[in-house]
Amino acid sequence: MTAAFAPGLPVIGVPLNRNALNGQDALMSIVQMPSGVPVACMAIDGAANAALFAAMMIPAYRDRVIKYQTEAQANVEAKLAKGFKK
């Protein structure tokens, strides 16, 4: 809904899991915006990815996000090499 009232501004929709429909209703309302009302849609409860996506749009933060992603990938690869256990 915010996208309709914010022409010219990028809008990132983050559906929240707050009711019996587990966020599916919020997800559908975001992805079914009418033509002319662009909205980037993240996963249900995907606020962390929304923040990273927004930061990537700001040139001053892009390198920091790329560094974060590279470090996260290295951490996953290190855990896999050790035989990751929960």
PDB file of N, CA and C in Angstrom:
ATOM      1  N   MET A   1       0.825  -1.190   0.000  1.00  0.00           N
ATOM      2  CA  MET A   1       0.000   0.000   0.000  1.00  0.00           C
ATOM      3  C   MET A   1       0.871   1.255   0.000  1.00  0.00           C
ATOM      4  N   THR A   2       1.980   1.195   0.702  1.00  0.00           N
ATOM      5  CA  THR A   2       2.883   2.348   0.756  1.00  0.00           C
ATOM      6  C   THR A   2       3.358   2.737  -0.633  1.00  0.00           C
ATOM      7  N   ALA A   3       3.598   1.759  -1.492  1.00  0.00           N
ATOM      8  CA  ALA A   3       4.094   2.035  -2.841  1.00  0.00           C
ATOM      9  C   ALA A   3       3.140   2.929  -3.626  1.00  0.00           C
ATOM     10  N   ALA A   4       1.857   2.774  -3.414  1.00  0.00           N
ATOM     11  CA  ALA A   4       0.872   3.578  -4.133  1.00  0.00           C
ATOM     12  C   ALA A   4       0.945   5.050  -3.719  1.00  0.00           C
ATOM     13  N   PHE A   5       1.404   5.305  -2.496  1.00  0.00           N
ATOM     14  CA  PHE A   5       1.469   6.680  -1.987  1.00  0.00           C
ATOM     15  C   PHE A   5       2.882   7.263  -2.055  1.00  0.00           C
ATOM     16  N   ALA A   6       3.818   6.533  -2.647  1.00  0.00           N
ATOM     17  CA  ALA A   6       5.205   6.989  -2.697  1.00  0.00           C
ATOM     18  C   ALA A   6       5.758   6.943  -4.112  1.00  0.00           C
ATOM     19  N   PRO A   7       5.125   7.659  -5.057  1.00  0.00           N
ATOM     20  CA  PRO A   7       5.636   7.606  -6.426  1.00  0.00           C
ATOM     21  C   PRO A   7       7.057   8.148  -6.494  1.00  0.00           C
ATOM     22  N   GLY A   8       7.895   7.443  -7.256  1.00  0.00           N
ATOM     23  CA  GLY A   8       9.271   7.875  -7.414  1.00  0.00           C
ATOM     24  C   GLY A   8      10.227   7.325  -6.369  1.00  0.00           C
ATOM     25  N   LEU A   9       9.706   6.690  -5.335  1.00  0.00           N
ATOM     26  CA  LEU A   9      10.568   6.118  -4.303  1.00  0.00           C
ATOM     27  C   LEU A   9      10.570   4.600  -4.407  1.00  0.00           C
ATOM     28  N   PRO A  10      11.725   3.978  -4.217  1.00  0.00           N
ATOM     29  CA  PRO A  10      11.749   2.511  -4.234  1.00  0.00           C
ATOM     30  C   PRO A  10      11.059   1.963  -2.987  1.00  0.00           C
ATOM     31  N   VAL A  11      10.266   0.933  -3.169  1.00  0.00           N
ATOM     32  CA  VAL A  11       9.548   0.317  -2.049  1.00  0.00           C
ATOM     33  C   VAL A  11       9.913  -1.159  -2.001  1.00  0.00           C
ATOM     34  N   ILE A  12      10.258  -1.616  -0.808  1.00  0.00           N
ATOM     35  CA  ILE A  12      10.583  -3.024  -0.594  1.00  0.00           C
ATOM     36  C   ILE A  12       9.513  -3.592   0.327  1.00  0.00           C
ATOM     37  N   GLY A  13       8.778  -4.586  -0.168  1.00  0.00           N
ATOM     38  CA  GLY A  13       7.738  -5.220   0.630  1.00  0.00           C
ATOM     39  C   GLY A  13       8.297  -6.414   1.383  1.00  0.00           C
ATOM     40  N   VAL A  14       8.015  -6.467   2.679  1.00  0.00           N
ATOM     41  CA  VAL A  14       8.433  -7.601   3.503  1.00  0.00           C
ATOM     42  C   VAL A  14       7.182  -8.168   4.159  1.00  0.00           C
ATOM     43  N   PRO A  15       6.639  -9.257   3.614  1.00  0.00           N
ATOM     44  CA  PRO A  15       5.455  -9.851   4.238  1.00  0.00           C
ATOM     45  C   PRO A  15       5.813 -10.460   5.591  1.00  0.00           C
ATOM     46  N   LEU A  16       4.947 -10.236   6.568  1.00  0.00           N
ATOM     47  CA  LEU A  16       5.199 -10.733   7.917  1.00  0.00           C
ATOM     48  C   LEU A  16       4.265 -11.884   8.270  1.00  0.00           C
ATOM     49  N   ASN A  17       4.785 -12.838   8.977  1.00  0.00           N
ATOM     50  CA  ASN A  17       4.016 -13.997   9.435  1.00  0.00           C
ATOM     51  C   ASN A  17       3.349 -13.625  10.755  1.00  0.00           C
ATOM     52  N   ARG A  18       2.180 -13.019  10.692  1.00  0.00           N
ATOM     53  CA  ARG A  18       1.522 -12.515  11.897  1.00  0.00           C
ATOM     54  C   ARG A  18       0.093 -13.006  12.088  1.00  0.00           C
ATOM     55  N   ASN A  19      -0.366 -13.955  11.282  1.00  0.00           N
ATOM     56  CA  ASN A  19      -1.745 -14.420  11.450  1.00  0.00           C
ATOM     57  C   ASN A  19      -1.860 -15.880  11.043  1.00  0.00           C
ATOM     58  N   ALA A  20      -3.064 -16.354  11.005  1.00  0.00           N
ATOM     59  CA  ALA A  20      -3.310 -17.770  10.707  1.00  0.00           C
ATOM     60  C   ALA A  20      -2.872 -18.172   9.299  1.00  0.00           C
ATOM     61  N   LEU A  21      -2.703 -17.224   8.410  1.00  0.00           N
ATOM     62  CA  LEU A  21      -2.307 -17.541   7.031  1.00  0.00           C
ATOM     63  C   LEU A  21      -0.791 -17.576   6.853  1.00  0.00           C
ATOM     64  N   ASN A  22      -0.052 -17.452   7.939  1.00  0.00           N
ATOM     65  CA  ASN A  22       1.411 -17.562   7.921  1.00  0.00           C
ATOM     66  C   ASN A  22       2.103 -16.596   6.959  1.00  0.00           C
ATOM     67  N   GLY A  23       1.543 -15.434   6.770  1.00  0.00           N
ATOM     68  CA  GLY A  23       2.156 -14.426   5.910  1.00  0.00           C
ATOM     69  C   GLY A  23       1.818 -14.552   4.438  1.00  0.00           C
ATOM     70  N   GLN A  24       1.094 -15.618   4.064  1.00  0.00           N
ATOM     71  CA  GLN A  24       0.741 -15.815   2.653  1.00  0.00           C
ATOM     72  C   GLN A  24      -0.128 -14.669   2.126  1.00  0.00           C
ATOM     73  N   ASP A  25      -1.045 -14.169   2.962  1.00  0.00           N
ATOM     74  CA  ASP A  25      -1.913 -13.068   2.534  1.00  0.00           C
ATOM     75  C   ASP A  25      -1.105 -11.800   2.285  1.00  0.00           C
ATOM     76  N   ALA A  26      -0.142 -11.522   3.154  1.00  0.00           N
ATOM     77  CA  ALA A  26       0.707 -10.342   2.974  1.00  0.00           C
ATOM     78  C   ALA A  26       1.573 -10.488   1.726  1.00  0.00           C
ATOM     79  N   LEU A  27       2.102 -11.678   1.506  1.00  0.00           N
ATOM     80  CA  LEU A  27       2.912 -11.945   0.320  1.00  0.00           C
ATOM     81  C   LEU A  27       2.103 -11.685  -0.945  1.00  0.00           C
ATOM     82  N   MET A  28       0.890 -12.202  -0.992  1.00  0.00           N
ATOM     83  CA  MET A  28       0.042 -12.018  -2.182  1.00  0.00           C
ATOM     84  C   MET A  28      -0.313 -10.555  -2.407  1.00  0.00           C
ATOM     85  N   SER A  29      -0.537  -9.806  -1.339  1.00  0.00           N
ATOM     86  CA  SER A  29      -0.893  -8.395  -1.524  1.00  0.00           C
ATOM     87  C   SER A  29       0.289  -7.595  -2.069  1.00  0.00           C
ATOM     88  N   ILE A  30       1.503  -8.031  -1.760  1.00  0.00           N
ATOM     89  CA  ILE A  30       2.682  -7.325  -2.271  1.00  0.00           C
ATOM     90  C   ILE A  30       2.939  -7.686  -3.729  1.00  0.00           C
ATOM     91  N   VAL A  31       2.917  -8.967  -4.050  1.00  0.00           N
ATOM     92  CA  VAL A  31       3.266  -9.376  -5.414  1.00  0.00           C
ATOM     93  C   VAL A  31       2.167  -9.076  -6.430  1.00  0.00           C
ATOM     94  N   GLN A  32       0.977  -8.751  -5.974  1.00  0.00           N
ATOM     95  CA  GLN A  32      -0.120  -8.457  -6.897  1.00  0.00           C
ATOM     96  C   GLN A  32      -0.402  -6.966  -7.029  1.00  0.00           C
ATOM     97  N   MET A  33       0.624  -6.145  -6.813  1.00  0.00           N
ATOM     98  CA  MET A  33       0.436  -4.709  -7.008  1.00  0.00           C
ATOM     99  C   MET A  33       0.135  -4.465  -8.481  1.00  0.00           C
ATOM    100  N   PRO A  34      -0.715  -3.484  -8.769  1.00  0.00           N
ATOM    101  CA  PRO A  34      -1.079  -3.239 -10.171  1.00  0.00           C
ATOM    102  C   PRO A  34       0.093  -2.691 -10.980  1.00  0.00           C
ATOM    103  N   SER A  35      -0.020  -2.807 -12.276  1.00  0.00           N
ATOM    104  CA  SER A  35       0.987  -2.275 -13.185  1.00  0.00           C
ATOM    105  C   SER A  35       1.190  -0.790 -12.901  1.00  0.00           C
ATOM    106  N   GLY A  36       2.432  -0.372 -12.867  1.00  0.00           N
ATOM    107  CA  GLY A  36       2.731   1.028 -12.597  1.00  0.00           C
ATOM    108  C   GLY A  36       3.090   1.292 -11.146  1.00  0.00           C
ATOM    109  N   VAL A  37       2.944   0.286 -10.286  1.00  0.00           N
ATOM    110  CA  VAL A  37       3.291   0.429  -8.870  1.00  0.00           C
ATOM    111  C   VAL A  37       4.337  -0.641  -8.546  1.00  0.00           C
ATOM    112  N   PRO A  38       5.611  -0.367  -8.881  1.00  0.00           N
ATOM    113  CA  PRO A  38       6.646  -1.384  -8.674  1.00  0.00           C
ATOM    114  C   PRO A  38       7.011  -1.550  -7.202  1.00  0.00           C
ATOM    115  N   VAL A  39       7.151  -2.791  -6.800  1.00  0.00           N
ATOM    116  CA  VAL A  39       7.545  -3.122  -5.430  1.00  0.00           C
ATOM    117  C   VAL A  39       8.494  -4.312  -5.482  1.00  0.00           C
ATOM    118  N   ALA A  40       9.606  -4.201  -4.789  1.00  0.00           N
ATOM    119  CA  ALA A  40      10.502  -5.347  -4.627  1.00  0.00           C
ATOM    120  C   ALA A  40       9.936  -6.162  -3.467  1.00  0.00           C
ATOM    121  N   CYS A  41       9.821  -7.463  -3.633  1.00  0.00           N
ATOM    122  CA  CYS A  41       9.214  -8.308  -2.606  1.00  0.00           C
ATOM    123  C   CYS A  41      10.243  -9.292  -2.057  1.00  0.00           C
ATOM    124  N   MET A  42      10.357  -9.326  -0.757  1.00  0.00           N
ATOM    125  CA  MET A  42      11.259 -10.251  -0.083  1.00  0.00           C
ATOM    126  C   MET A  42      10.468 -11.460   0.413  1.00  0.00           C
ATOM    127  N   ALA A  43      11.164 -12.420   0.980  1.00  0.00           N
ATOM    128  CA  ALA A  43      10.524 -13.608   1.541  1.00  0.00           C
ATOM    129  C   ALA A  43       9.737 -13.232   2.797  1.00  0.00           C
ATOM    130  N   ILE A  44       8.842 -14.107   3.186  1.00  0.00           N
ATOM    131  CA  ILE A  44       8.094 -13.893   4.422  1.00  0.00           C
ATOM    132  C   ILE A  44       9.094 -13.801   5.571  1.00  0.00           C
ATOM    133  N   ASP A  45       8.966 -12.759   6.381  1.00  0.00           N
ATOM    134  CA  ASP A  45       9.872 -12.452   7.494  1.00  0.00           C
ATOM    135  C   ASP A  45      11.313 -12.256   7.014  1.00  0.00           C
ATOM    136  N   GLY A  46      11.478 -11.717   5.814  1.00  0.00           N
ATOM    137  CA  GLY A  46      12.809 -11.536   5.227  1.00  0.00           C
ATOM    138  C   GLY A  46      13.379 -10.134   5.396  1.00  0.00           C
ATOM    139  N   ALA A  47      13.250  -9.563   6.578  1.00  0.00           N
ATOM    140  CA  ALA A  47      13.723  -8.196   6.803  1.00  0.00           C
ATOM    141  C   ALA A  47      15.230  -8.063   6.640  1.00  0.00           C
ATOM    142  N   ALA A  48      15.994  -9.093   7.006  1.00  0.00           N
ATOM    143  CA  ALA A  48      17.450  -9.014   6.862  1.00  0.00           C
ATOM    144  C   ALA A  48      17.832  -8.877   5.390  1.00  0.00           C
ATOM    145  N   ASN A  49      17.192  -9.657   4.530  1.00  0.00           N
ATOM    146  CA  ASN A  49      17.479  -9.547   3.096  1.00  0.00           C
ATOM    147  C   ASN A  49      16.996  -8.209   2.542  1.00  0.00           C
ATOM    148  N   ALA A  50      15.902  -7.677   3.068  1.00  0.00           N
ATOM    149  CA  ALA A  50      15.418  -6.369   2.631  1.00  0.00           C
ATOM    150  C   ALA A  50      16.444  -5.292   2.958  1.00  0.00           C
ATOM    151  N   ALA A  51      17.053  -5.381   4.130  1.00  0.00           N
ATOM    152  CA  ALA A  51      18.069  -4.405   4.523  1.00  0.00           C
ATOM    153  C   ALA A  51      19.286  -4.499   3.611  1.00  0.00           C
ATOM    154  N   LEU A  52      19.719  -5.723   3.303  1.00  0.00           N
ATOM    155  CA  LEU A  52      20.859  -5.901   2.404  1.00  0.00           C
ATOM    156  C   LEU A  52      20.535  -5.387   1.003  1.00  0.00           C
ATOM    157  N   PHE A  53      19.320  -5.652   0.538  1.00  0.00           N
ATOM    158  CA  PHE A  53      18.884  -5.193  -0.781  1.00  0.00           C
ATOM    159  C   PHE A  53      18.894  -3.667  -0.846  1.00  0.00           C
ATOM    160  N   ALA A  54      18.373  -3.028   0.196  1.00  0.00           N
ATOM    161  CA  ALA A  54      18.347  -1.567   0.237  1.00  0.00           C
ATOM    162  C   ALA A  54      19.765  -1.000   0.276  1.00  0.00           C
ATOM    163  N   ALA A  55      20.626  -1.625   1.056  1.00  0.00           N
ATOM    164  CA  ALA A  55      22.006  -1.146   1.156  1.00  0.00           C
ATOM    165  C   ALA A  55      22.731  -1.263  -0.183  1.00  0.00           C
ATOM    166  N   MET A  56      22.412  -2.310  -0.954  1.00  0.00           N
ATOM    167  CA  MET A  56      23.048  -2.480  -2.261  1.00  0.00           C
ATOM    168  C   MET A  56      22.683  -1.351  -3.227  1.00  0.00           C
ATOM    169  N   MET A  57      21.559  -0.687  -3.005  1.00  0.00           N
ATOM    170  CA  MET A  57      21.141   0.412  -3.881  1.00  0.00           C
ATOM    171  C   MET A  57      21.857   1.713  -3.555  1.00  0.00           C
ATOM    172  N   ILE A  58      22.555   1.757  -2.418  1.00  0.00           N
ATOM    173  CA  ILE A  58      23.268   2.961  -2.005  1.00  0.00           C
ATOM    174  C   ILE A  58      24.755   2.746  -2.281  1.00  0.00           C
ATOM    175  N   PRO A  59      25.306   3.471  -3.249  1.00  0.00           N
ATOM    176  CA  PRO A  59      26.696   3.228  -3.642  1.00  0.00           C
ATOM    177  C   PRO A  59      27.695   3.220  -2.476  1.00  0.00           C
ATOM    178  N   ALA A  60      27.490   4.067  -1.485  1.00  0.00           N
ATOM    179  CA  ALA A  60      28.425   4.144  -0.361  1.00  0.00           C
ATOM    180  C   ALA A  60      28.436   2.868   0.481  1.00  0.00           C
ATOM    181  N   TYR A  61      27.374   2.066   0.414  1.00  0.00           N
ATOM    182  CA  TYR A  61      27.282   0.849   1.224  1.00  0.00           C
ATOM    183  C   TYR A  61      27.499  -0.431   0.422  1.00  0.00           C
ATOM    184  N   ARG A  62      27.522  -0.328  -0.894  1.00  0.00           N
ATOM    185  CA  ARG A  62      27.598  -1.522  -1.739  1.00  0.00           C
ATOM    186  C   ARG A  62      28.823  -2.392  -1.423  1.00  0.00           C
ATOM    187  N   ASP A  63      29.997  -1.771  -1.285  1.00  0.00           N
ATOM    188  CA  ASP A  63      31.207  -2.550  -0.998  1.00  0.00           C
ATOM    189  C   ASP A  63      31.121  -3.255   0.349  1.00  0.00           C
ATOM    190  N   ARG A  64      30.487  -2.606   1.335  1.00  0.00           N
ATOM    191  CA  ARG A  64      30.343  -3.230   2.656  1.00  0.00           C
ATOM    192  C   ARG A  64      29.427  -4.446   2.593  1.00  0.00           C
ATOM    193  N   VAL A  65      28.379  -4.361   1.790  1.00  0.00           N
ATOM    194  CA  VAL A  65      27.468  -5.498   1.646  1.00  0.00           C
ATOM    195  C   VAL A  65      28.176  -6.652   0.935  1.00  0.00           C
ATOM    196  N   ILE A  66      28.922  -6.338  -0.097  1.00  0.00           N
ATOM    197  CA  ILE A  66      29.659  -7.379  -0.818  1.00  0.00           C
ATOM    198  C   ILE A  66      30.661  -8.060   0.115  1.00  0.00           C
ATOM    199  N   LYS A  67      31.342  -7.279   0.948  1.00  0.00           N
ATOM    200  CA  LYS A  67      32.278  -7.852   1.924  1.00  0.00           C
ATOM    201  C   LYS A  67      31.536  -8.764   2.894  1.00  0.00           C
ATOM    202  N   TYR A  68      30.379  -8.323   3.384  1.00  0.00           N
ATOM    203  CA  TYR A  68      29.567  -9.133   4.298  1.00  0.00           C
ATOM    204  C   TYR A  68      29.169 -10.457   3.634  1.00  0.00           C
ATOM    205  N   GLN A  69      28.718 -10.384   2.383  1.00  0.00           N
ATOM    206  CA  GLN A  69      28.300 -11.588   1.672  1.00  0.00           C
ATOM    207  C   GLN A  69      29.469 -12.541   1.443  1.00  0.00           C
ATOM    208  N   THR A  70      30.633 -11.987   1.118  1.00  0.00           N
ATOM    209  CA  THR A  70      31.819 -12.814   0.901  1.00  0.00           C
ATOM    210  C   THR A  70      32.232 -13.515   2.196  1.00  0.00           C
ATOM    211  N   GLU A  71      32.192 -12.792   3.314  1.00  0.00           N
ATOM    212  CA  GLU A  71      32.529 -13.382   4.608  1.00  0.00           C
ATOM    213  C   GLU A  71      31.509 -14.446   5.016  1.00  0.00           C
ATOM    214  N   ALA A  72      30.238 -14.191   4.758  1.00  0.00           N
ATOM    215  CA  ALA A  72      29.199 -15.171   5.085  1.00  0.00           C
ATOM    216  C   ALA A  72      29.404 -16.451   4.283  1.00  0.00           C
ATOM    217  N   GLN A  73      29.740 -16.311   3.014  1.00  0.00           N
ATOM    218  CA  GLN A  73      29.999 -17.479   2.172  1.00  0.00           C
ATOM    219  C   GLN A  73      31.198 -18.261   2.696  1.00  0.00           C
ATOM    220  N   ALA A  74      32.261 -17.555   3.082  1.00  0.00           N
ATOM    221  CA  ALA A  74      33.456 -18.221   3.613  1.00  0.00           C
ATOM    222  C   ALA A  74      33.135 -18.961   4.905  1.00  0.00           C
ATOM    223  N   ASN A  75      32.273 -18.372   5.756  1.00  0.00           N
ATOM    224  CA  ASN A  75      31.881 -19.036   7.005  1.00  0.00           C
ATOM    225  C   ASN A  75      31.114 -20.326   6.731  1.00  0.00           C
ATOM    226  N   VAL A  76      30.219 -20.293   5.764  1.00  0.00           N
ATOM    227  CA  VAL A  76      29.452 -21.499   5.415  1.00  0.00           C
ATOM    228  C   VAL A  76      30.387 -22.567   4.865  1.00  0.00           C
ATOM    229  N   GLU A  77      31.294 -22.170   3.989  1.00  0.00           N
ATOM    230  CA  GLU A  77      32.233 -23.137   3.414  1.00  0.00           C
ATOM    231  C   GLU A  77      33.137 -23.745   4.489  1.00  0.00           C
ATOM    232  N   ALA A  78      33.543 -22.948   5.478  1.00  0.00           N
ATOM    233  CA  ALA A  78      34.369 -23.458   6.570  1.00  0.00           C
ATOM    234  C   ALA A  78      33.592 -24.467   7.415  1.00  0.00           C
ATOM    235  N   LYS A  79      32.321 -24.170   7.686  1.00  0.00           N
ATOM    236  CA  LYS A  79      31.486 -25.110   8.447  1.00  0.00           C
ATOM    237  C   LYS A  79      31.279 -26.408   7.678  1.00  0.00           C
ATOM    238  N   LEU A  80      31.072 -26.295   6.379  1.00  0.00           N
ATOM    239  CA  LEU A  80      30.900 -27.501   5.566  1.00  0.00           C
ATOM    240  C   LEU A  80      32.171 -28.346   5.559  1.00  0.00           C
ATOM    241  N   ALA A  81      33.323 -27.689   5.514  1.00  0.00           N
ATOM    242  CA  ALA A  81      34.595 -28.416   5.502  1.00  0.00           C
ATOM    243  C   ALA A  81      34.822 -29.161   6.810  1.00  0.00           C
ATOM    244  N   LYS A  82      34.306 -28.613   7.922  1.00  0.00           N
ATOM    245  CA  LYS A  82      34.454 -29.246   9.233  1.00  0.00           C
ATOM    246  C   LYS A  82      33.406 -30.332   9.465  1.00  0.00           C
ATOM    247  N   GLY A  83      32.439 -30.443   8.592  1.00  0.00           N
ATOM    248  CA  GLY A  83      31.338 -31.390   8.801  1.00  0.00           C
ATOM    249  C   GLY A  83      30.272 -30.735   9.666  1.00  0.00           C
ATOM    250  N   PHE A  84      29.632 -29.705   9.158  1.00  0.00           N
ATOM    251  CA  PHE A  84      28.645 -28.900   9.877  1.00  0.00           C
ATOM    252  C   PHE A  84      27.612 -29.759  10.613  1.00  0.00           C
ATOM    253  N   LYS A  85      27.419 -29.413  11.887  1.00  0.00           N
ATOM    254  CA  LYS A  85      26.381 -30.053  12.686  1.00  0.00           C
ATOM    255  C   LYS A  85      25.583 -28.947  13.360  1.00  0.00           C
ATOM    256  N   LYS A  86      24.310 -29.215  13.562  1.00  0.00           N
ATOM    257  CA  LYS A  86      23.434 -28.203  14.186  1.00  0.00           C
ATOM    258  C   LYS A  86      23.826 -27.943  15.618  1.00  0.00           C
TER     259      LYS A  86
END
